């Protein structure tokens, strides 16, 4: 089923209809005006989604790549034809950020995969938000399940990281998601809402935040949440934001899905109203697949 237009999209479509009626020549008959309107509608398509702004696709390259493979991937992305109605971000390993920044098209922004909780100093192995700004890195991924469950970062720590990064004008992809045993125990919403609370307790400016729902059981496993499962959680998170942050934030923040997203399943997932994009792992290392995922925004377009 096609995604239902959000209230924002519906309002936009209504305004377009008013403009068409105003622009129709007065000497045309009603049938002629209707045919003129239909012709214009076929020529105009807009993205309808729950969050505001553009569809968002991020590529998390994780701990992968060499100088040569990164160079090849960047060249292929530079040559790709991408839909205009999409914000695209890639997150290379730290050691390749400068290489990517110096060679990747400006059409695609660059993210780090982690950042320190505060100002730099005697913190061996860490990277500060100020350093990311210094090299022109616009985004950072925080709260990814591999940081939570392998490195041991907790909700409070991640929330404070987000606050500091935002204070230095680094935009945040804020990750949430449940383990398989938590889903099977019926705790999906409890876990995701607790993780959201840690972000909400520390974030005041949501304009520079994208929320990524990534069920841990679907990351790198080949399993993927069904479109209905993903939509259910996305809608619940949006309702949580409405109740616990504000209706404005709930209606504007983009909530994207991650977890074994690939070229074969992205179109059906993208059709869901509350899925505003994707955070992509392995498929983002393959330029043709990543391009297909980026261009799945066409699944959200409705005739205006």
C-alpha atoms as a PDB file:
ATOM      1  CA  UNK A   1       0.000   0.000   0.000  1.00  0.00           C
ATOM      2  CA  UNK A   2       1.192   3.509  -0.697  1.00  0.00           C
ATOM      3  CA  UNK A   3       2.016   5.687   2.296  1.00  0.00           C
ATOM      4  CA  UNK A   4      -0.705   8.107   3.347  1.00  0.00           C
ATOM      5  CA  UNK A   5       0.306  11.740   2.908  1.00  0.00           C
ATOM      6  CA  UNK A   6       1.111  13.564   6.146  1.00  0.00           C
ATOM      7  CA  UNK A   7      -0.851  16.654   7.146  1.00  0.00           C
ATOM      8  CA  UNK A   8       2.080  18.743   5.894  1.00  0.00           C
ATOM      9  CA  UNK A   9       1.959  17.049   2.484  1.00  0.00           C
ATOM     10  CA  UNK A  10      -1.851  17.308   2.352  1.00  0.00           C
ATOM     11  CA  UNK A  11      -1.655  21.029   3.067  1.00  0.00           C
ATOM     12  CA  UNK A  12       0.956  21.395   0.345  1.00  0.00           C
ATOM     13  CA  UNK A  13      -1.226  19.510  -2.142  1.00  0.00           C
ATOM     14  CA  UNK A  14      -4.202  21.720  -1.255  1.00  0.00           C
ATOM     15  CA  UNK A  15      -2.152  24.852  -1.920  1.00  0.00           C
ATOM     16  CA  UNK A  16      -1.055  23.435  -5.278  1.00  0.00           C
ATOM     17  CA  UNK A  17      -4.686  22.750  -6.211  1.00  0.00           C
ATOM     18  CA  UNK A  18      -5.613  26.351  -5.359  1.00  0.00           C
ATOM     19  CA  UNK A  19      -2.791  27.618  -7.552  1.00  0.00           C
ATOM     20  CA  UNK A  20      -3.964  25.468 -10.467  1.00  0.00           C
ATOM     21  CA  UNK A  21      -7.531  26.775 -10.209  1.00  0.00           C
ATOM     22  CA  UNK A  22      -6.286  30.369 -10.048  1.00  0.00           C
ATOM     23  CA  UNK A  23      -4.023  29.862 -13.073  1.00  0.00           C
ATOM     24  CA  UNK A  24      -6.674  28.199 -15.326  1.00  0.00           C
ATOM     25  CA  UNK A  25      -7.700  30.572 -18.176  1.00  0.00           C
ATOM     26  CA  UNK A  26     -11.189  31.985 -17.599  1.00  0.00           C
ATOM     27  CA  UNK A  27     -12.374  31.318 -21.177  1.00  0.00           C
ATOM     28  CA  UNK A  28     -11.907  27.537 -20.884  1.00  0.00           C
ATOM     29  CA  UNK A  29     -14.866  25.287 -20.274  1.00  0.00           C
ATOM     30  CA  UNK A  30     -15.000  23.292 -17.049  1.00  0.00           C
ATOM     31  CA  UNK A  31     -13.993  20.040 -18.830  1.00  0.00           C
ATOM     32  CA  UNK A  32     -11.063  21.855 -20.462  1.00  0.00           C
ATOM     33  CA  UNK A  33      -9.960  23.267 -17.128  1.00  0.00           C
ATOM     34  CA  UNK A  34     -10.169  19.804 -15.585  1.00  0.00           C
ATOM     35  CA  UNK A  35      -8.059  18.357 -18.383  1.00  0.00           C
ATOM     36  CA  UNK A  36      -5.530  21.172 -17.934  1.00  0.00           C
ATOM     37  CA  UNK A  37      -5.380  20.469 -14.184  1.00  0.00           C
ATOM     38  CA  UNK A  38      -4.886  16.726 -14.792  1.00  0.00           C
ATOM     39  CA  UNK A  39      -2.061  17.441 -17.206  1.00  0.00           C
ATOM     40  CA  UNK A  40      -0.321  19.605 -14.627  1.00  0.00           C
ATOM     41  CA  UNK A  41      -0.853  17.029 -11.895  1.00  0.00           C
ATOM     42  CA  UNK A  42       0.928  14.394 -13.953  1.00  0.00           C
ATOM     43  CA  UNK A  43       3.912  16.702 -14.252  1.00  0.00           C
ATOM     44  CA  UNK A  44       4.214  17.416 -10.522  1.00  0.00           C
ATOM     45  CA  UNK A  45       5.108  14.883  -7.847  1.00  0.00           C
ATOM     46  CA  UNK A  46       5.990  15.647  -4.232  1.00  0.00           C
ATOM     47  CA  UNK A  47       7.424  13.563  -1.418  1.00  0.00           C
ATOM     48  CA  UNK A  48       4.805  12.732   1.229  1.00  0.00           C
ATOM     49  CA  UNK A  49       6.231  11.669   4.599  1.00  0.00           C
ATOM     50  CA  UNK A  50       5.546  12.179   8.277  1.00  0.00           C
ATOM     51  CA  UNK A  51       8.706  14.142   9.122  1.00  0.00           C
ATOM     52  CA  UNK A  52       9.453  17.455   7.436  1.00  0.00           C
ATOM     53  CA  UNK A  53      12.371  18.195   5.163  1.00  0.00           C
ATOM     54  CA  UNK A  54      13.863  15.786   2.673  1.00  0.00           C
ATOM     55  CA  UNK A  55      14.033  12.001   2.720  1.00  0.00           C
ATOM     56  CA  UNK A  56      17.298  11.056   4.467  1.00  0.00           C
ATOM     57  CA  UNK A  57      19.708   8.235   3.620  1.00  0.00           C
ATOM     58  CA  UNK A  58      22.907   7.637   5.584  1.00  0.00           C
ATOM     59  CA  UNK A  59      25.625   5.142   4.751  1.00  0.00           C
ATOM     60  CA  UNK A  60      27.535   3.742   7.740  1.00  0.00           C
ATOM     61  CA  UNK A  61      30.764   2.256   6.390  1.00  0.00           C
ATOM     62  CA  UNK A  62      31.706   0.998   9.874  1.00  0.00           C
ATOM     63  CA  UNK A  63      35.254  -0.434  10.179  1.00  0.00           C
ATOM     64  CA  UNK A  64      35.606  -1.217   6.477  1.00  0.00           C
ATOM     65  CA  UNK A  65      37.727  -0.073   3.591  1.00  0.00           C
ATOM     66  CA  UNK A  66      41.212   0.756   2.397  1.00  0.00           C
ATOM     67  CA  UNK A  67      42.499   3.861   0.645  1.00  0.00           C
ATOM     68  CA  UNK A  68      41.989   2.150  -2.693  1.00  0.00           C
ATOM     69  CA  UNK A  69      38.507   0.771  -1.994  1.00  0.00           C
ATOM     70  CA  UNK A  70      37.368   4.108  -0.550  1.00  0.00           C
ATOM     71  CA  UNK A  71      38.682   5.912  -3.635  1.00  0.00           C
ATOM     72  CA  UNK A  72      36.767   3.511  -5.903  1.00  0.00           C
ATOM     73  CA  UNK A  73      33.557   3.859  -3.900  1.00  0.00           C
ATOM     74  CA  UNK A  74      33.786   7.653  -3.896  1.00  0.00           C
ATOM     75  CA  UNK A  75      34.344   7.706  -7.668  1.00  0.00           C
ATOM     76  CA  UNK A  76      31.279   5.538  -8.206  1.00  0.00           C
ATOM     77  CA  UNK A  77      29.150   7.719  -5.923  1.00  0.00           C
ATOM     78  CA  UNK A  78      30.348  10.846  -7.732  1.00  0.00           C
ATOM     79  CA  UNK A  79      29.166   9.333 -11.012  1.00  0.00           C
ATOM     80  CA  UNK A  80      25.787   8.173  -9.669  1.00  0.00           C
ATOM     81  CA  UNK A  81      22.522   9.858 -10.614  1.00  0.00           C
ATOM     82  CA  UNK A  82      20.692  10.720  -7.394  1.00  0.00           C
ATOM     83  CA  UNK A  83      17.155  11.979  -6.855  1.00  0.00           C
ATOM     84  CA  UNK A  84      17.044  15.608  -5.731  1.00  0.00           C
ATOM     85  CA  UNK A  85      14.588  15.099  -2.863  1.00  0.00           C
ATOM     86  CA  UNK A  86      17.056  13.240  -0.630  1.00  0.00           C
ATOM     87  CA  UNK A  87      19.658  14.283   1.922  1.00  0.00           C
ATOM     88  CA  UNK A  88      22.588  11.857   1.618  1.00  0.00           C
ATOM     89  CA  UNK A  89      25.312  11.338   4.222  1.00  0.00           C
ATOM     90  CA  UNK A  90      28.149   8.798   4.387  1.00  0.00           C
ATOM     91  CA  UNK A  91      30.168   7.861   7.469  1.00  0.00           C
ATOM     92  CA  UNK A  92      33.660   6.590   6.644  1.00  0.00           C
ATOM     93  CA  UNK A  93      36.116   5.355   9.291  1.00  0.00           C
ATOM     94  CA  UNK A  94      37.895   8.296  10.960  1.00  0.00           C
ATOM     95  CA  UNK A  95      41.136   7.678   9.081  1.00  0.00           C
ATOM     96  CA  UNK A  96      39.417   8.155   5.701  1.00  0.00           C
ATOM     97  CA  UNK A  97      37.232  11.173   6.503  1.00  0.00           C
ATOM     98  CA  UNK A  98      39.734  13.661   5.075  1.00  0.00           C
ATOM     99  CA  UNK A  99      40.218  11.574   1.931  1.00  0.00           C
ATOM    100  CA  UNK A 100      36.465  11.404   1.412  1.00  0.00           C
ATOM    101  CA  UNK A 101      35.922  15.103   2.153  1.00  0.00           C
ATOM    102  CA  UNK A 102      38.527  16.044  -0.451  1.00  0.00           C
ATOM    103  CA  UNK A 103      37.153  13.847  -3.220  1.00  0.00           C
ATOM    104  CA  UNK A 104      33.418  13.287  -2.693  1.00  0.00           C
ATOM    105  CA  UNK A 105      30.799  15.404  -4.429  1.00  0.00           C
ATOM    106  CA  UNK A 106      29.345  18.188  -2.272  1.00  0.00           C
ATOM    107  CA  UNK A 107      25.944  16.638  -3.004  1.00  0.00           C
ATOM    108  CA  UNK A 108      26.778  14.077  -0.278  1.00  0.00           C
ATOM    109  CA  UNK A 109      27.686  15.165   3.257  1.00  0.00           C
ATOM    110  CA  UNK A 110      30.114  13.386   5.576  1.00  0.00           C
ATOM    111  CA  UNK A 111      29.536  11.977   9.053  1.00  0.00           C
ATOM    112  CA  UNK A 112      31.748  10.557  11.761  1.00  0.00           C
ATOM    113  CA  UNK A 113      30.816   7.259  13.415  1.00  0.00           C
ATOM    114  CA  UNK A 114      31.507   8.452  16.961  1.00  0.00           C
ATOM    115  CA  UNK A 115      32.595  11.483  18.954  1.00  0.00           C
ATOM    116  CA  UNK A 116      33.822  12.201  22.469  1.00  0.00           C
ATOM    117  CA  UNK A 117      31.449  13.429  25.174  1.00  0.00           C
ATOM    118  CA  UNK A 118      33.132  16.817  25.618  1.00  0.00           C
ATOM    119  CA  UNK A 119      36.084  19.003  24.783  1.00  0.00           C
ATOM    120  CA  UNK A 120      39.306  17.329  23.674  1.00  0.00           C
ATOM    121  CA  UNK A 121      42.211  16.620  25.987  1.00  0.00           C
ATOM    122  CA  UNK A 122      43.832  13.584  27.606  1.00  0.00           C
ATOM    123  CA  UNK A 123      41.378  11.052  26.150  1.00  0.00           C
ATOM    124  CA  UNK A 124      43.452   8.528  24.227  1.00  0.00           C
ATOM    125  CA  UNK A 125      41.750   7.251  21.112  1.00  0.00           C
ATOM    126  CA  UNK A 126      38.898   9.760  21.148  1.00  0.00           C
ATOM    127  CA  UNK A 127      37.874  12.449  18.643  1.00  0.00           C
ATOM    128  CA  UNK A 128      36.246  15.718  19.752  1.00  0.00           C
ATOM    129  CA  UNK A 129      33.372  17.592  18.144  1.00  0.00           C
ATOM    130  CA  UNK A 130      35.688  20.549  17.691  1.00  0.00           C
ATOM    131  CA  UNK A 131      38.021  18.358  15.628  1.00  0.00           C
ATOM    132  CA  UNK A 132      35.132  17.199  13.454  1.00  0.00           C
ATOM    133  CA  UNK A 133      34.174  20.810  12.811  1.00  0.00           C
ATOM    134  CA  UNK A 134      37.816  21.625  12.029  1.00  0.00           C
ATOM    135  CA  UNK A 135      37.904  19.114   9.157  1.00  0.00           C
ATOM    136  CA  UNK A 136      34.438  20.025   7.879  1.00  0.00           C
ATOM    137  CA  UNK A 137      32.599  16.929   9.098  1.00  0.00           C
ATOM    138  CA  UNK A 138      28.919  17.873   9.433  1.00  0.00           C
ATOM    139  CA  UNK A 139      27.367  14.827  11.127  1.00  0.00           C
ATOM    140  CA  UNK A 140      28.001  12.130  13.711  1.00  0.00           C
ATOM    141  CA  UNK A 141      26.283   8.799  14.394  1.00  0.00           C
ATOM    142  CA  UNK A 142      25.582   8.294  18.112  1.00  0.00           C
ATOM    143  CA  UNK A 143      24.007   5.433  20.047  1.00  0.00           C
ATOM    144  CA  UNK A 144      24.598   2.770  17.417  1.00  0.00           C
ATOM    145  CA  UNK A 145      23.970  -0.700  18.842  1.00  0.00           C
ATOM    146  CA  UNK A 146      27.584  -1.717  18.261  1.00  0.00           C
ATOM    147  CA  UNK A 147      28.690   1.153  20.481  1.00  0.00           C
ATOM    148  CA  UNK A 148      26.035   0.285  23.063  1.00  0.00           C
ATOM    149  CA  UNK A 149      26.491  -3.492  23.202  1.00  0.00           C
ATOM    150  CA  UNK A 150      30.144  -4.033  22.218  1.00  0.00           C
ATOM    151  CA  UNK A 151      31.826  -0.905  23.597  1.00  0.00           C
ATOM    152  CA  UNK A 152      29.422  -0.598  26.521  1.00  0.00           C
ATOM    153  CA  UNK A 153      28.114   2.953  26.121  1.00  0.00           C
ATOM    154  CA  UNK A 154      24.964   3.571  28.167  1.00  0.00           C
ATOM    155  CA  UNK A 155      21.940   5.763  27.487  1.00  0.00           C
ATOM    156  CA  UNK A 156      23.037   8.670  29.680  1.00  0.00           C
ATOM    157  CA  UNK A 157      26.539   8.774  28.187  1.00  0.00           C
ATOM    158  CA  UNK A 158      25.136   8.736  24.652  1.00  0.00           C
ATOM    159  CA  UNK A 159      22.646  11.489  25.449  1.00  0.00           C
ATOM    160  CA  UNK A 160      25.394  13.750  26.783  1.00  0.00           C
ATOM    161  CA  UNK A 161      27.497  13.048  23.687  1.00  0.00           C
ATOM    162  CA  UNK A 162      24.599  14.194  21.542  1.00  0.00           C
ATOM    163  CA  UNK A 163      24.161  17.397  23.523  1.00  0.00           C
ATOM    164  CA  UNK A 164      27.829  18.326  23.247  1.00  0.00           C
ATOM    165  CA  UNK A 165      28.035  17.556  19.522  1.00  0.00           C
ATOM    166  CA  UNK A 166      24.962  19.676  18.826  1.00  0.00           C
ATOM    167  CA  UNK A 167      26.393  22.522  20.920  1.00  0.00           C
ATOM    168  CA  UNK A 168      29.334  22.580  18.501  1.00  0.00           C
ATOM    169  CA  UNK A 169      27.052  22.526  15.433  1.00  0.00           C
ATOM    170  CA  UNK A 170      27.651  18.883  14.577  1.00  0.00           C
ATOM    171  CA  UNK A 171      24.352  17.311  13.506  1.00  0.00           C
ATOM    172  CA  UNK A 172      23.381  13.998  15.084  1.00  0.00           C
ATOM    173  CA  UNK A 173      22.005  10.701  13.799  1.00  0.00           C
ATOM    174  CA  UNK A 174      20.584   9.354  17.067  1.00  0.00           C
ATOM    175  CA  UNK A 175      20.232   5.558  17.050  1.00  0.00           C
ATOM    176  CA  UNK A 176      17.785   3.499  19.069  1.00  0.00           C
ATOM    177  CA  UNK A 177      16.722  -0.149  18.919  1.00  0.00           C
ATOM    178  CA  UNK A 178      15.976  -3.331  20.832  1.00  0.00           C
ATOM    179  CA  UNK A 179      17.707  -6.710  21.146  1.00  0.00           C
ATOM    180  CA  UNK A 180      15.974  -9.866  19.897  1.00  0.00           C
ATOM    181  CA  UNK A 181      15.242 -11.070  23.427  1.00  0.00           C
ATOM    182  CA  UNK A 182      13.748  -7.669  24.266  1.00  0.00           C
ATOM    183  CA  UNK A 183      11.427  -7.856  21.258  1.00  0.00           C
ATOM    184  CA  UNK A 184      10.411 -11.415  22.104  1.00  0.00           C
ATOM    185  CA  UNK A 185       9.674 -10.299  25.676  1.00  0.00           C
ATOM    186  CA  UNK A 186       7.395  -7.539  24.400  1.00  0.00           C
ATOM    187  CA  UNK A 187       9.757  -4.793  25.541  1.00  0.00           C
ATOM    188  CA  UNK A 188      10.454  -3.090  22.202  1.00  0.00           C
ATOM    189  CA  UNK A 189       8.630   0.131  23.065  1.00  0.00           C
ATOM    190  CA  UNK A 190       9.984   0.243  26.628  1.00  0.00           C
ATOM    191  CA  UNK A 191      13.574  -0.064  25.399  1.00  0.00           C
ATOM    192  CA  UNK A 192      13.203   2.450  22.577  1.00  0.00           C
ATOM    193  CA  UNK A 193      11.388   4.972  24.758  1.00  0.00           C
ATOM    194  CA  UNK A 194      14.070   4.729  27.455  1.00  0.00           C
ATOM    195  CA  UNK A 195      16.754   5.383  24.851  1.00  0.00           C
ATOM    196  CA  UNK A 196      14.704   8.282  23.476  1.00  0.00           C
ATOM    197  CA  UNK A 197      14.359   9.742  26.971  1.00  0.00           C
ATOM    198  CA  UNK A 198      18.155   9.878  27.326  1.00  0.00           C
ATOM    199  CA  UNK A 199      18.344  11.920  24.119  1.00  0.00           C
ATOM    200  CA  UNK A 200      15.372  14.123  25.064  1.00  0.00           C
ATOM    201  CA  UNK A 201      16.838  14.852  28.509  1.00  0.00           C
ATOM    202  CA  UNK A 202      19.881  16.365  26.825  1.00  0.00           C
ATOM    203  CA  UNK A 203      18.671  17.798  23.510  1.00  0.00           C
ATOM    204  CA  UNK A 204      17.003  21.174  23.151  1.00  0.00           C
ATOM    205  CA  UNK A 205      17.508  21.749  19.409  1.00  0.00           C
ATOM    206  CA  UNK A 206      15.911  18.902  17.458  1.00  0.00           C
ATOM    207  CA  UNK A 207      16.292  20.635  14.093  1.00  0.00           C
ATOM    208  CA  UNK A 208      19.717  19.042  13.649  1.00  0.00           C
ATOM    209  CA  UNK A 209      18.731  15.548  14.792  1.00  0.00           C
ATOM    210  CA  UNK A 210      17.672  12.521  12.751  1.00  0.00           C
ATOM    211  CA  UNK A 211      16.425   9.494  14.718  1.00  0.00           C
ATOM    212  CA  UNK A 212      17.444   6.074  13.406  1.00  0.00           C
ATOM    213  CA  UNK A 213      15.454   3.056  14.561  1.00  0.00           C
ATOM    214  CA  UNK A 214      17.643  -0.022  14.156  1.00  0.00           C
ATOM    215  CA  UNK A 215      16.359  -3.266  15.689  1.00  0.00           C
ATOM    216  CA  UNK A 216      19.575  -4.922  16.845  1.00  0.00           C
ATOM    217  CA  UNK A 217      18.404  -8.355  15.683  1.00  0.00           C
ATOM    218  CA  UNK A 218      18.246  -7.036  12.104  1.00  0.00           C
ATOM    219  CA  UNK A 219      21.667  -5.363  11.912  1.00  0.00           C
ATOM    220  CA  UNK A 220      24.092  -7.312   9.744  1.00  0.00           C
ATOM    221  CA  UNK A 221      22.061 -10.520  10.149  1.00  0.00           C
ATOM    222  CA  UNK A 222      20.253 -10.548   6.832  1.00  0.00           C
ATOM    223  CA  UNK A 223      16.983 -10.341   8.769  1.00  0.00           C
ATOM    224  CA  UNK A 224      14.913  -7.238   8.360  1.00  0.00           C
ATOM    225  CA  UNK A 225      11.866  -5.908  10.149  1.00  0.00           C
ATOM    226  CA  UNK A 226       8.803  -6.093   7.962  1.00  0.00           C
ATOM    227  CA  UNK A 227       7.516  -2.747   6.697  1.00  0.00           C
ATOM    228  CA  UNK A 228       4.627  -3.125   9.147  1.00  0.00           C
ATOM    229  CA  UNK A 229       6.943  -3.827  12.112  1.00  0.00           C
ATOM    230  CA  UNK A 230       9.143  -0.851  11.271  1.00  0.00           C
ATOM    231  CA  UNK A 231       6.160   1.467  10.734  1.00  0.00           C
ATOM    232  CA  UNK A 232       4.680   0.421  14.080  1.00  0.00           C
ATOM    233  CA  UNK A 233       7.818   1.425  15.989  1.00  0.00           C
ATOM    234  CA  UNK A 234       8.351   4.611  13.993  1.00  0.00           C
ATOM    235  CA  UNK A 235       4.777   5.729  14.654  1.00  0.00           C
ATOM    236  CA  UNK A 236       5.140   4.907  18.353  1.00  0.00           C
ATOM    237  CA  UNK A 237       8.368   6.924  18.596  1.00  0.00           C
ATOM    238  CA  UNK A 238       6.665   9.862  16.891  1.00  0.00           C
ATOM    239  CA  UNK A 239       3.781   9.638  19.369  1.00  0.00           C
ATOM    240  CA  UNK A 240       6.299   9.504  22.226  1.00  0.00           C
ATOM    241  CA  UNK A 241       7.921  12.685  20.943  1.00  0.00           C
ATOM    242  CA  UNK A 242       4.526  14.372  20.711  1.00  0.00           C
ATOM    243  CA  UNK A 243       3.766  13.543  24.345  1.00  0.00           C
ATOM    244  CA  UNK A 244       7.211  13.980  25.885  1.00  0.00           C
ATOM    245  CA  UNK A 245       8.907  16.666  23.782  1.00  0.00           C
ATOM    246  CA  UNK A 246       6.428  18.634  21.666  1.00  0.00           C
ATOM    247  CA  UNK A 247       3.958  18.224  18.803  1.00  0.00           C
ATOM    248  CA  UNK A 248       6.180  20.434  16.634  1.00  0.00           C
ATOM    249  CA  UNK A 249       9.195  18.169  17.124  1.00  0.00           C
ATOM    250  CA  UNK A 250       7.069  15.068  16.551  1.00  0.00           C
ATOM    251  CA  UNK A 251       5.796  16.413  13.241  1.00  0.00           C
ATOM    252  CA  UNK A 252       9.151  17.666  11.998  1.00  0.00           C
ATOM    253  CA  UNK A 253      11.868  15.237  13.102  1.00  0.00           C
ATOM    254  CA  UNK A 254      12.848  12.576  10.583  1.00  0.00           C
ATOM    255  CA  UNK A 255      12.773   8.967  11.764  1.00  0.00           C
ATOM    256  CA  UNK A 256      14.748   6.614   9.539  1.00  0.00           C
ATOM    257  CA  UNK A 257      15.049   2.833   9.536  1.00  0.00           C
ATOM    258  CA  UNK A 258      18.209   0.713   9.672  1.00  0.00           C
ATOM    259  CA  UNK A 259      18.785  -3.022   9.810  1.00  0.00           C
ATOM    260  CA  UNK A 260      19.757  -5.032   6.714  1.00  0.00           C
ATOM    261  CA  UNK A 261      18.267  -2.439   4.353  1.00  0.00           C
ATOM    262  CA  UNK A 262      19.178  -3.366   0.792  1.00  0.00           C
ATOM    263  CA  UNK A 263      18.299  -2.630  -2.825  1.00  0.00           C
ATOM    264  CA  UNK A 264      15.628  -5.322  -2.771  1.00  0.00           C
ATOM    265  CA  UNK A 265      13.601  -4.249   0.265  1.00  0.00           C
ATOM    266  CA  UNK A 266      14.039  -0.464   0.407  1.00  0.00           C
ATOM    267  CA  UNK A 267      11.123   0.466  -1.868  1.00  0.00           C
ATOM    268  CA  UNK A 268       8.488  -1.342   0.211  1.00  0.00           C
ATOM    269  CA  UNK A 269       9.906   0.052   3.454  1.00  0.00           C
ATOM    270  CA  UNK A 270      10.003   3.577   2.017  1.00  0.00           C
ATOM    271  CA  UNK A 271       6.276   3.476   1.271  1.00  0.00           C
ATOM    272  CA  UNK A 272       5.412   3.538   4.970  1.00  0.00           C
ATOM    273  CA  UNK A 273       4.277   6.939   6.217  1.00  0.00           C
ATOM    274  CA  UNK A 274       6.587   7.244   9.226  1.00  0.00           C
ATOM    275  CA  UNK A 275       9.723   5.873   7.524  1.00  0.00           C
ATOM    276  CA  UNK A 276      11.563   9.022   6.460  1.00  0.00           C
ATOM    277  CA  UNK A 277      14.680   7.335   5.103  1.00  0.00           C
ATOM    278  CA  UNK A 278      17.347   4.786   5.944  1.00  0.00           C
ATOM    279  CA  UNK A 279      20.602   4.211   7.791  1.00  0.00           C
ATOM    280  CA  UNK A 280      22.428   1.654   5.665  1.00  0.00           C
ATOM    281  CA  UNK A 281      25.309  -0.626   6.615  1.00  0.00           C
ATOM    282  CA  UNK A 282      26.776  -3.194   4.234  1.00  0.00           C
ATOM    283  CA  UNK A 283      24.779  -2.071   1.206  1.00  0.00           C
ATOM    284  CA  UNK A 284      26.306   1.426   1.493  1.00  0.00           C
ATOM    285  CA  UNK A 285      29.680  -0.089   0.515  1.00  0.00           C
ATOM    286  CA  UNK A 286      28.264  -0.995  -2.902  1.00  0.00           C
ATOM    287  CA  UNK A 287      27.583   2.132  -4.934  1.00  0.00           C
ATOM    288  CA  UNK A 288      24.877   0.644  -7.204  1.00  0.00           C
ATOM    289  CA  UNK A 289      22.934  -0.737  -4.219  1.00  0.00           C
ATOM    290  CA  UNK A 290      23.351   2.455  -2.205  1.00  0.00           C
ATOM    291  CA  UNK A 291      22.158   4.489  -5.185  1.00  0.00           C
ATOM    292  CA  UNK A 292      19.040   2.326  -5.469  1.00  0.00           C
ATOM    293  CA  UNK A 293      18.329   2.852  -1.763  1.00  0.00           C
ATOM    294  CA  UNK A 294      18.808   6.618  -2.080  1.00  0.00           C
ATOM    295  CA  UNK A 295      16.481   6.735  -5.074  1.00  0.00           C
ATOM    296  CA  UNK A 296      13.789   4.724  -3.274  1.00  0.00           C
ATOM    297  CA  UNK A 297      12.472   8.166  -2.320  1.00  0.00           C
ATOM    298  CA  UNK A 298      10.402   7.809  -5.491  1.00  0.00           C
ATOM    299  CA  UNK A 299       8.246   5.311  -3.560  1.00  0.00           C
ATOM    300  CA  UNK A 300       7.128   8.185  -1.331  1.00  0.00           C
ATOM    301  CA  UNK A 301       6.173  10.538  -4.128  1.00  0.00           C
ATOM    302  CA  UNK A 302       2.511  11.301  -4.702  1.00  0.00           C
ATOM    303  CA  UNK A 303       0.858  13.139  -7.567  1.00  0.00           C
ATOM    304  CA  UNK A 304       0.252  16.779  -6.738  1.00  0.00           C
END
